[in-house]
PDB file of N, CA and C in Angstrom:
ATOM      1  N   MET A   1     -16.501   4.296 -20.411  1.00  0.00           N
ATOM      2  CA  MET A   1     -15.988   4.051 -18.975  1.00  0.00           C
ATOM      3  C   MET A   1     -15.761   5.234 -18.358  1.00  0.00           C
ATOM      4  N   LYS A   2     -16.278   5.370 -17.107  1.00  0.00           N
ATOM      5  CA  LYS A   2     -16.081   6.430 -16.369  1.00  0.00           C
ATOM      6  C   LYS A   2     -14.607   6.601 -15.814  1.00  0.00           C
ATOM      7  N   LYS A   3     -14.022   7.803 -15.795  1.00  0.00           N
ATOM      8  CA  LYS A   3     -12.604   8.040 -15.510  1.00  0.00           C
ATOM      9  C   LYS A   3     -12.814   8.117 -13.810  1.00  0.00           C
ATOM     10  N   LYS A   4     -11.718   7.425 -13.162  1.00  0.00           N
ATOM     11  CA  LYS A   4     -11.774   7.439 -11.756  1.00  0.00           C
ATOM     12  C   LYS A   4     -10.944   8.699 -11.284  1.00  0.00           C
ATOM     13  N   GLU A   5     -11.491   9.150 -10.205  1.00  0.00           N
ATOM     14  CA  GLU A   5     -10.813  10.179  -9.467  1.00  0.00           C
ATOM     15  C   GLU A   5      -9.519   9.870  -9.128  1.00  0.00           C
ATOM     16  N   PRO A   6      -8.498  10.751  -9.130  1.00  0.00           N
ATOM     17  CA  PRO A   6      -7.021  10.539  -8.898  1.00  0.00           C
ATOM     18  C   PRO A   6      -6.769   9.703  -7.637  1.00  0.00           C
ATOM     19  N   TYR A   7      -7.428  10.329  -6.608  1.00  0.00           N
ATOM     20  CA  TYR A   7      -7.145   9.467  -5.266  1.00  0.00           C
ATOM     21  C   TYR A   7      -7.724   8.090  -5.284  1.00  0.00           C
ATOM     22  N   LYS A   8      -8.757   7.754  -5.945  1.00  0.00           N
ATOM     23  CA  LYS A   8      -9.251   6.336  -6.207  1.00  0.00           C
ATOM     24  C   LYS A   8      -8.212   5.488  -6.859  1.00  0.00           C
ATOM     25  N   LYS A   9      -7.576   5.912  -7.879  1.00  0.00           N
ATOM     26  CA  LYS A   9      -6.495   5.205  -8.452  1.00  0.00           C
ATOM     27  C   LYS A   9      -5.394   4.937  -7.547  1.00  0.00           C
ATOM     28  N   GLU A  10      -5.074   5.986  -6.696  1.00  0.00           N
ATOM     29  CA  GLU A  10      -3.908   5.758  -5.740  1.00  0.00           C
ATOM     30  C   GLU A  10      -4.344   4.782  -4.706  1.00  0.00           C
ATOM     31  N   PHE A  11      -5.639   4.692  -4.329  1.00  0.00           N
ATOM     32  CA  PHE A  11      -6.078   3.718  -3.250  1.00  0.00           C
ATOM     33  C   PHE A  11      -5.985   2.379  -3.992  1.00  0.00           C
ATOM     34  N   ASP A  12      -6.294   2.217  -5.219  1.00  0.00           N
ATOM     35  CA  ASP A  12      -6.201   0.809  -6.005  1.00  0.00           C
ATOM     36  C   ASP A  12      -4.740   0.437  -6.022  1.00  0.00           C
ATOM     37  N   ASP A  13      -3.760   1.497  -6.143  1.00  0.00           N
ATOM     38  CA  ASP A  13      -2.425   1.135  -6.329  1.00  0.00           C
ATOM     39  C   ASP A  13      -1.932   0.534  -4.949  1.00  0.00           C
ATOM     40  N   ILE A  14      -2.395   1.182  -3.785  1.00  0.00           N
ATOM     41  CA  ILE A  14      -1.956   0.659  -2.487  1.00  0.00           C
ATOM     42  C   ILE A  14      -2.533  -0.852  -2.325  1.00  0.00           C
ATOM     43  N   ARG A  15      -3.697  -1.067  -2.822  1.00  0.00           N
ATOM     44  CA  ARG A  15      -4.181  -2.419  -2.597  1.00  0.00           C
ATOM     45  C   ARG A  15      -3.283  -3.506  -3.539  1.00  0.00           C
ATOM     46  N   VAL A  16      -3.094  -2.956  -4.680  1.00  0.00           N
ATOM     47  CA  VAL A  16      -2.108  -3.828  -5.331  1.00  0.00           C
ATOM     48  C   VAL A  16      -0.694  -3.980  -4.842  1.00  0.00           C
ATOM     49  N   LEU A  17      -0.179  -2.915  -4.197  1.00  0.00           N
ATOM     50  CA  LEU A  17       1.080  -3.010  -3.560  1.00  0.00           C
ATOM     51  C   LEU A  17       1.077  -4.088  -2.254  1.00  0.00           C
ATOM     52  N   ILE A  18      -0.006  -3.933  -1.587  1.00  0.00           N
ATOM     53  CA  ILE A  18      -0.283  -4.965  -0.511  1.00  0.00           C
ATOM     54  C   ILE A  18      -0.274  -6.450  -0.854  1.00  0.00           C
ATOM     55  N   ALA A  19      -1.047  -6.572  -1.929  1.00  0.00           N
ATOM     56  CA  ALA A  19      -1.123  -8.036  -2.673  1.00  0.00           C
ATOM     57  C   ALA A  19       0.387  -8.399  -3.365  1.00  0.00           C
ATOM     58  N   GLU A  20       0.917  -7.534  -3.961  1.00  0.00           N
ATOM     59  CA  GLU A  20       2.306  -7.649  -4.421  1.00  0.00           C
ATOM     60  C   GLU A  20       3.266  -8.175  -3.298  1.00  0.00           C
ATOM     61  N   ALA A  21       3.283  -7.353  -2.150  1.00  0.00           N
ATOM     62  CA  ALA A  21       4.131  -7.701  -1.105  1.00  0.00           C
ATOM     63  C   ALA A  21       3.886  -9.119  -0.537  1.00  0.00           C
ATOM     64  N   LYS A  22       2.528  -9.521  -0.518  1.00  0.00           N
ATOM     65  CA  LYS A  22       2.457 -11.047  -0.089  1.00  0.00           C
ATOM     66  C   LYS A  22       2.963 -12.053  -1.176  1.00  0.00           C
ATOM     67  N   ILE A  23       2.706 -11.713  -2.315  1.00  0.00           N
ATOM     68  CA  ILE A  23       3.055 -12.667  -3.402  1.00  0.00           C
ATOM     69  C   ILE A  23       4.610 -12.841  -3.621  1.00  0.00           C
ATOM     70  N   ARG A  24       5.214 -11.593  -3.650  1.00  0.00           N
ATOM     71  CA  ARG A  24       6.847 -11.670  -3.877  1.00  0.00           C
ATOM     72  C   ARG A  24       7.368 -12.323  -2.596  1.00  0.00           C
ATOM     73  N   ASN A  25       6.869 -12.146  -1.492  1.00  0.00           N
ATOM     74  CA  ASN A  25       7.585 -12.657  -0.280  1.00  0.00           C
ATOM     75  C   ASN A  25       6.856 -14.084   0.301  1.00  0.00           C
ATOM     76  N   ASN A  26       5.913 -14.671  -0.496  1.00  0.00           N
ATOM     77  CA  ASN A  26       5.120 -15.861  -0.194  1.00  0.00           C
ATOM     78  C   ASN A  26       4.575 -15.743   1.275  1.00  0.00           C
ATOM     79  N   LEU A  27       3.990 -14.528   1.609  1.00  0.00           N
ATOM     80  CA  LEU A  27       3.256 -14.390   2.809  1.00  0.00           C
ATOM     81  C   LEU A  27       1.816 -14.493   2.740  1.00  0.00           C
ATOM     82  N   ASN A  28       1.231 -14.888   3.956  1.00  0.00           N
ATOM     83  CA  ASN A  28      -0.318 -14.729   3.979  1.00  0.00           C
ATOM     84  C   ASN A  28      -0.475 -13.541   4.755  1.00  0.00           C
ATOM     85  N   GLU A  29      -1.852 -13.233   5.013  1.00  0.00           N
ATOM     86  CA  GLU A  29      -2.219 -12.006   5.686  1.00  0.00           C
ATOM     87  C   GLU A  29      -1.690 -11.788   7.081  1.00  0.00           C
ATOM     88  N   VAL A  30      -1.555 -12.887   7.757  1.00  0.00           N
ATOM     89  CA  VAL A  30      -1.097 -12.858   9.151  1.00  0.00           C
ATOM     90  C   VAL A  30       0.433 -12.599   9.229  1.00  0.00           C
ATOM     91  N   GLU A  31       1.124 -13.215   8.135  1.00  0.00           N
ATOM     92  CA  GLU A  31       2.478 -13.130   8.092  1.00  0.00           C
ATOM     93  C   GLU A  31       2.854 -11.697   7.684  1.00  0.00           C
ATOM     94  N   LEU A  32       2.161 -11.155   6.739  1.00  0.00           N
ATOM     95  CA  LEU A  32       2.430  -9.711   6.213  1.00  0.00           C
ATOM     96  C   LEU A  32       2.117  -8.757   7.516  1.00  0.00           C
ATOM     97  N   SER A  33       1.063  -8.998   8.143  1.00  0.00           N
ATOM     98  CA  SER A  33       0.737  -8.043   9.318  1.00  0.00           C
ATOM     99  C   SER A  33       1.895  -8.087  10.375  1.00  0.00           C
ATOM    100  N   ARG A  34       2.509  -9.185  10.526  1.00  0.00           N
ATOM    101  CA  ARG A  34       3.465  -9.349  11.521  1.00  0.00           C
ATOM    102  C   ARG A  34       4.851  -8.538  10.951  1.00  0.00           C
ATOM    103  N   CYS A  35       5.080  -8.698   9.685  1.00  0.00           N
ATOM    104  CA  CYS A  35       6.013  -7.885   9.126  1.00  0.00           C
ATOM    105  C   CYS A  35       5.922  -6.367   9.332  1.00  0.00           C
ATOM    106  N   LEU A  36       4.548  -5.885   9.316  1.00  0.00           N
ATOM    107  CA  LEU A  36       4.196  -4.632   9.560  1.00  0.00           C
ATOM    108  C   LEU A  36       4.217  -4.196  10.926  1.00  0.00           C
ATOM    109  N   GLY A  37       4.071  -5.159  11.776  1.00  0.00           N
ATOM    110  CA  GLY A  37       4.046  -5.006  13.240  1.00  0.00           C
ATOM    111  C   GLY A  37       2.548  -4.452  13.655  1.00  0.00           C
ATOM    112  N   ILE A  38       1.586  -4.938  12.926  1.00  0.00           N
ATOM    113  CA  ILE A  38       0.205  -4.636  13.122  1.00  0.00           C
ATOM    114  C   ILE A  38      -0.665  -5.841  13.116  1.00  0.00           C
ATOM    115  N   ALA A  39      -1.816  -5.568  13.674  1.00  0.00           N
ATOM    116  CA  ALA A  39      -2.921  -6.722  13.670  1.00  0.00           C
ATOM    117  C   ALA A  39      -3.401  -7.090  12.361  1.00  0.00           C
ATOM    118  N   PRO A  40      -3.854  -8.360  12.140  1.00  0.00           N
ATOM    119  CA  PRO A  40      -4.405  -8.675  10.827  1.00  0.00           C
ATOM    120  C   PRO A  40      -5.554  -7.748  10.459  1.00  0.00           C
ATOM    121  N   THR A  41      -6.400  -7.419  11.684  1.00  0.00           N
ATOM    122  CA  THR A  41      -7.561  -6.618  11.408  1.00  0.00           C
ATOM    123  C   THR A  41      -7.190  -5.169  10.797  1.00  0.00           C
ATOM    124  N   THR A  42      -6.096  -4.727  11.208  1.00  0.00           N
ATOM    125  CA  THR A  42      -5.557  -3.431  10.851  1.00  0.00           C
ATOM    126  C   THR A  42      -5.179  -3.613   9.295  1.00  0.00           C
ATOM    127  N   LEU A  43      -4.500  -4.603   9.037  1.00  0.00           N
ATOM    128  CA  LEU A  43      -4.041  -4.906   7.447  1.00  0.00           C
ATOM    129  C   LEU A  43      -5.436  -4.911   6.693  1.00  0.00           C
ATOM    130  N   ALA A  44      -6.394  -5.487   7.204  1.00  0.00           N
ATOM    131  CA  ALA A  44      -7.667  -5.639   6.511  1.00  0.00           C
ATOM    132  C   ALA A  44      -8.310  -4.242   6.301  1.00  0.00           C
ATOM    133  N   SER A  45      -8.165  -3.324   7.397  1.00  0.00           N
ATOM    134  CA  SER A  45      -8.720  -2.153   7.334  1.00  0.00           C
ATOM    135  C   SER A  45      -7.912  -1.250   6.228  1.00  0.00           C
ATOM    136  N   TYR A  46      -6.560  -1.569   6.234  1.00  0.00           N
ATOM    137  CA  TYR A  46      -5.895  -0.720   5.196  1.00  0.00           C
ATOM    138  C   TYR A  46      -6.381  -1.095   3.739  1.00  0.00           C
ATOM    139  N   LYS A  47      -6.720  -2.349   3.544  1.00  0.00           N
ATOM    140  CA  LYS A  47      -7.105  -2.886   2.322  1.00  0.00           C
ATOM    141  C   LYS A  47      -8.369  -2.159   1.971  1.00  0.00           C
ATOM    142  N   ASN A  48      -9.342  -2.268   2.885  1.00  0.00           N
ATOM    143  CA  ASN A  48     -10.773  -1.605   2.866  1.00  0.00           C
ATOM    144  C   ASN A  48     -10.709  -0.025   2.705  1.00  0.00           C
ATOM    145  N   ASN A  49      -9.858   0.673   3.368  1.00  0.00           N
ATOM    146  CA  ASN A  49      -9.707   2.007   3.355  1.00  0.00           C
ATOM    147  C   ASN A  49      -8.250   2.563   3.346  1.00  0.00           C
ATOM    148  N   PRO A  50      -7.611   2.332   1.945  1.00  0.00           N
ATOM    149  CA  PRO A  50      -6.240   2.744   1.960  1.00  0.00           C
ATOM    150  C   PRO A  50      -5.792   4.290   2.527  1.00  0.00           C
ATOM    151  N   ALA A  51      -6.771   4.997   2.624  1.00  0.00           N
ATOM    152  CA  ALA A  51      -6.554   6.457   3.174  1.00  0.00           C
ATOM    153  C   ALA A  51      -6.063   6.318   4.594  1.00  0.00           C
ATOM    154  N   THR A  52      -6.235   5.258   5.235  1.00  0.00           N
ATOM    155  CA  THR A  52      -5.792   5.180   6.683  1.00  0.00           C
ATOM    156  C   THR A  52      -4.425   4.613   6.841  1.00  0.00           C
ATOM    157  N   ILE A  53      -3.776   4.128   5.772  1.00  0.00           N
ATOM    158  CA  ILE A  53      -2.421   3.546   5.975  1.00  0.00           C
ATOM    159  C   ILE A  53      -1.416   4.587   6.479  1.00  0.00           C
ATOM    160  N   SER A  54      -0.537   4.358   7.259  1.00  0.00           N
ATOM    161  CA  SER A  54       0.366   5.211   7.804  1.00  0.00           C
ATOM    162  C   SER A  54       1.554   5.099   6.789  1.00  0.00           C
ATOM    163  N   ILE A  55       2.468   6.233   6.659  1.00  0.00           N
ATOM    164  CA  ILE A  55       3.577   6.314   5.699  1.00  0.00           C
ATOM    165  C   ILE A  55       4.499   5.437   6.181  1.00  0.00           C
ATOM    166  N   HIS A  56       4.726   5.107   7.490  1.00  0.00           N
ATOM    167  CA  HIS A  56       5.578   4.139   7.896  1.00  0.00           C
ATOM    168  C   HIS A  56       5.341   2.808   7.269  1.00  0.00           C
ATOM    169  N   HIS A  57       4.214   2.323   7.393  1.00  0.00           N
ATOM    170  CA  HIS A  57       3.686   1.028   6.985  1.00  0.00           C
ATOM    171  C   HIS A  57       3.750   0.973   5.380  1.00  0.00           C
ATOM    172  N   LEU A  58       3.391   2.109   4.709  1.00  0.00           N
ATOM    173  CA  LEU A  58       3.431   2.135   3.286  1.00  0.00           C
ATOM    174  C   LEU A  58       5.201   1.903   2.787  1.00  0.00           C
ATOM    175  N   PHE A  59       5.853   2.530   3.576  1.00  0.00           N
ATOM    176  CA  PHE A  59       7.388   2.350   3.215  1.00  0.00           C
ATOM    177  C   PHE A  59       7.870   0.847   3.451  1.00  0.00           C
ATOM    178  N   ILE A  60       7.268   0.246   4.411  1.00  0.00           N
ATOM    179  CA  ILE A  60       7.575  -1.087   4.540  1.00  0.00           C
ATOM    180  C   ILE A  60       7.142  -2.066   3.523  1.00  0.00           C
ATOM    181  N   ILE A  61       5.813  -1.710   3.115  1.00  0.00           N
ATOM    182  CA  ILE A  61       5.306  -2.537   1.903  1.00  0.00           C
ATOM    183  C   ILE A  61       6.027  -2.275   0.679  1.00  0.00           C
ATOM    184  N   LEU A  62       6.422  -1.054   0.414  1.00  0.00           N
ATOM    185  CA  LEU A  62       7.161  -0.796  -0.726  1.00  0.00           C
ATOM    186  C   LEU A  62       8.598  -1.479  -0.757  1.00  0.00           C
ATOM    187  N   GLU A  63       9.260  -1.510   0.547  1.00  0.00           N
ATOM    188  CA  GLU A  63      10.378  -2.181   0.546  1.00  0.00           C
ATOM    189  C   GLU A  63      10.228  -3.698   0.315  1.00  0.00           C
ATOM    190  N   LEU A  64       9.154  -4.191   0.627  1.00  0.00           N
ATOM    191  CA  LEU A  64       8.726  -5.749   0.533  1.00  0.00           C
ATOM    192  C   LEU A  64       8.638  -5.924  -1.006  1.00  0.00           C
ATOM    193  N   CYS A  65       8.282  -4.847  -1.770  1.00  0.00           N
ATOM    194  CA  CYS A  65       7.951  -5.013  -3.051  1.00  0.00           C
ATOM    195  C   CYS A  65       9.088  -4.573  -4.014  1.00  0.00           C
ATOM    196  N   GLU A  66      10.225  -4.175  -3.317  1.00  0.00           N
ATOM    197  CA  GLU A  66      11.532  -3.786  -3.894  1.00  0.00           C
ATOM    198  C   GLU A  66      11.125  -2.600  -4.844  1.00  0.00           C
ATOM    199  N   LYS A  67      10.497  -1.712  -4.277  1.00  0.00           N
ATOM    200  CA  LYS A  67      10.209  -0.434  -4.880  1.00  0.00           C
ATOM    201  C   LYS A  67      10.449   0.831  -4.089  1.00  0.00           C
ATOM    202  N   GLU A  68      10.366   1.980  -4.560  1.00  0.00           N
ATOM    203  CA  GLU A  68      10.655   3.279  -3.745  1.00  0.00           C
ATOM    204  C   GLU A  68       9.728   4.322  -4.123  1.00  0.00           C
ATOM    205  N   ILE A  69       9.599   5.328  -3.427  1.00  0.00           N
ATOM    206  CA  ILE A  69       8.901   6.538  -3.799  1.00  0.00           C
ATOM    207  C   ILE A  69       9.775   7.585  -4.303  1.00  0.00           C
ATOM    208  N   GLN A  70       9.611   8.220  -5.324  1.00  0.00           N
ATOM    209  CA  GLN A  70      10.286   9.417  -5.717  1.00  0.00           C
ATOM    210  C   GLN A  70       9.419  10.694  -5.712  1.00  0.00           C
ATOM    211  N   TYR A  71      10.053  11.758  -5.089  1.00  0.00           N
ATOM    212  CA  TYR A  71       9.372  12.945  -4.876  1.00  0.00           C
ATOM    213  C   TYR A  71       9.764  13.906  -6.005  1.00  0.00           C
ATOM    214  N   VAL A  72       8.773  14.241  -6.596  1.00  0.00           N
ATOM    215  CA  VAL A  72       9.016  15.074  -7.883  1.00  0.00           C
ATOM    216  C   VAL A  72       8.387  16.408  -7.538  1.00  0.00           C
ATOM    217  N   GLU A  73       9.045  17.515  -7.823  1.00  0.00           N
ATOM    218  CA  GLU A  73       8.644  18.895  -7.638  1.00  0.00           C
ATOM    219  C   GLU A  73       7.522  19.227  -8.722  1.00  0.00           C
ATOM    220  N   LYS A  74       6.381  19.813  -8.396  1.00  0.00           N
ATOM    221  CA  LYS A  74       5.298  19.896  -9.287  1.00  0.00           C
ATOM    222  C   LYS A  74       5.655  21.419  -9.895  1.00  0.00           C
ATOM    223  N   ARG A  75       5.302  21.563 -11.173  1.00  0.00           N
ATOM    224  CA  ARG A  75       5.408  22.797 -11.671  1.00  0.00           C
ATOM    225  C   ARG A  75       4.370  23.736 -11.440  1.00  0.00           C
ATOM    226  N   ARG A  76       4.711  24.966 -11.202  1.00  0.00           N
ATOM    227  CA  ARG A  76       3.605  25.936 -10.735  1.00  0.00           C
ATOM    228  C   ARG A  76       2.980  26.491 -12.123  1.00  0.00           C
ATOM    229  N   ARG A  77       1.636  26.645 -12.037  1.00  0.00           N
ATOM    230  CA  ARG A  77       0.970  27.168 -13.148  1.00  0.00           C
ATOM    231  C   ARG A  77       0.859  28.514 -13.351  1.00  0.00           C
TER     232      ARG A  77
END
């Protein structure tokens, strides 16, 4: 099995978070897009190309999933 590039795994993680936000809050696509304050077509584009998601919308999705981001300082080599 070919190993995924790190950014591709992150993109998959964003897609999973979007799905989790819908399931945890019993929302459909239109309702989730309303929570985010965006058009349903924008939500669809976030799922197709997670690189386009804004940090603001990502934080809302994380809040809906009851998750948070932790910033960790990287070690210098």
